[in-house]
Structures are given as C-alpha cells and as structure tokens.
C-alpha cells in the first residue's frame, strides 16, 4: 500500500462517525471506571490509565499516517510547481 493509499484510508477511519463514536464512548467509559475505583486501587487505576493511553496511541498512529501522506503530497506539489516555472 502506498503512502497516499494509507493516508487516505487513515483519514477515512478518523472521519468515520462510528469510529469517532466508539473512541469517545470508550474514553468516557474508561474515565467513569477510573472515577469509580477506590483511591488505593493503584493497580486497577494504572490499568485503566494504560488502556486510555493505548487508545490515544491508536488515534495518534492514524493521524501520523495522515500527516505523512499530507507532507509527501505537499512535497510533490512543490516539486511540480518548481518544474513548471
């Protein structure tokens, strides 16, 4: 899969209503569970925190793929603009 194809697919995923809904509800669920844990339940709280960070990494990874595609696309546009001059 090319950088462009990956970027387009990652962008579609990030903009997908169902994906956004799942990410939001998962974040809210994790925060609700975290707030309901006992203050001294360190292991459980750390586990919930790590789950939240894992979700953030998935979203960040998709955004990174989109950014790589965008940067490559801009480089190609600049090169083609320079050639026309």
Protein backbone atom coordinates (compact mmCIF):
# COMPACT_ATOMS: atom_id res chain seq x y z
CA UNK A 1 0.00 0.00 0.00
CA UNK A 2 1.40 3.41 -0.92
CA UNK A 3 1.75 6.33 1.49
CA UNK A 4 -1.14 8.01 -0.31
CA UNK A 5 -3.40 4.98 -0.02
CA UNK A 6 -2.56 4.55 3.65
CA UNK A 7 -3.12 8.25 4.29
CA UNK A 8 -6.49 8.26 2.58
CA UNK A 9 -7.60 5.15 4.46
CA UNK A 10 -6.41 6.51 7.81
CA UNK A 11 -8.25 9.78 7.11
CA UNK A 12 -11.43 7.86 6.29
CA UNK A 13 -11.16 5.92 9.54
CA UNK A 14 -10.57 9.06 11.62
CA UNK A 15 -13.53 10.80 10.00
CA UNK A 16 -15.83 7.78 10.29
CA UNK A 17 -18.79 8.51 12.58
CA UNK A 18 -18.84 5.02 14.07
CA UNK A 19 -15.09 5.10 14.79
CA UNK A 20 -15.42 8.51 16.46
CA UNK A 21 -18.39 7.30 18.50
CA UNK A 22 -16.52 4.19 19.66
CA UNK A 23 -13.42 6.18 20.61
CA UNK A 24 -15.47 8.74 22.52
CA UNK A 25 -17.60 6.17 24.35
CA UNK A 26 -14.52 4.10 25.20
CA UNK A 27 -12.76 7.16 26.63
CA UNK A 28 -15.83 8.07 28.65
CA UNK A 29 -16.19 4.50 29.91
CA UNK A 30 -12.57 4.32 30.98
CA UNK A 31 -12.82 7.65 32.80
CA UNK A 32 -16.04 6.59 34.51
CA UNK A 33 -14.44 3.34 35.65
CA UNK A 34 -11.37 5.23 36.85
CA UNK A 35 -13.51 7.63 38.89
CA UNK A 36 -15.38 4.73 40.46
CA UNK A 37 -12.25 2.92 41.63
CA UNK A 38 -11.06 3.22 45.17
CA UNK A 39 -8.26 5.74 45.60
CA UNK A 40 -5.94 2.99 46.86
CA UNK A 41 -6.70 0.61 43.94
CA UNK A 42 -3.44 1.59 42.27
CA UNK A 43 -3.14 -1.44 40.02
CA UNK A 44 -6.69 -1.08 38.69
CA UNK A 45 -6.25 2.66 38.15
CA UNK A 46 -2.96 2.16 36.34
CA UNK A 47 -4.56 -0.47 34.13
CA UNK A 48 -7.37 1.92 33.16
CA UNK A 49 -4.86 4.69 32.55
CA UNK A 50 -2.80 2.44 30.28
CA UNK A 51 -5.92 1.44 28.35
CA UNK A 52 -6.68 5.11 27.81
CA UNK A 53 -3.13 5.75 26.62
CA UNK A 54 -3.37 2.77 24.28
CA UNK A 55 -6.50 4.23 22.70
CA UNK A 56 -4.70 7.57 22.33
CA UNK A 57 -1.81 5.77 20.58
CA UNK A 58 -4.18 4.19 18.04
CA UNK A 59 -5.66 7.58 17.17
CA UNK A 60 -2.21 9.20 17.13
CA UNK A 61 -0.92 6.46 14.83
CA UNK A 62 -3.72 7.09 12.35
CA UNK A 63 -3.07 10.84 12.48
CA UNK A 64 0.62 10.21 11.90
CA UNK A 65 -0.17 8.24 8.74
CA UNK A 66 -2.37 11.09 7.50
CA UNK A 67 0.39 13.60 8.29
CA UNK A 68 3.00 11.55 6.41
CA UNK A 69 0.74 11.44 3.36
CA UNK A 70 -0.01 15.18 3.60
CA UNK A 71 3.68 16.06 3.82
CA UNK A 72 4.55 13.81 0.90
CA UNK A 73 1.71 15.29 -1.13
CA UNK A 74 2.88 18.84 -0.40
CA UNK A 75 6.47 17.97 -1.37
CA UNK A 76 5.25 16.59 -4.68
CA UNK A 77 3.16 19.71 -5.29
CA UNK A 78 6.18 21.95 -4.65
CA UNK A 79 8.33 19.89 -7.00
CA UNK A 80 5.74 20.04 -9.76
CA UNK A 81 5.29 23.80 -9.23
CA UNK A 82 9.07 24.36 -9.49
CA UNK A 83 9.24 22.34 -12.69
CA UNK A 84 6.53 24.47 -14.31
CA UNK A 85 8.49 27.69 -13.72
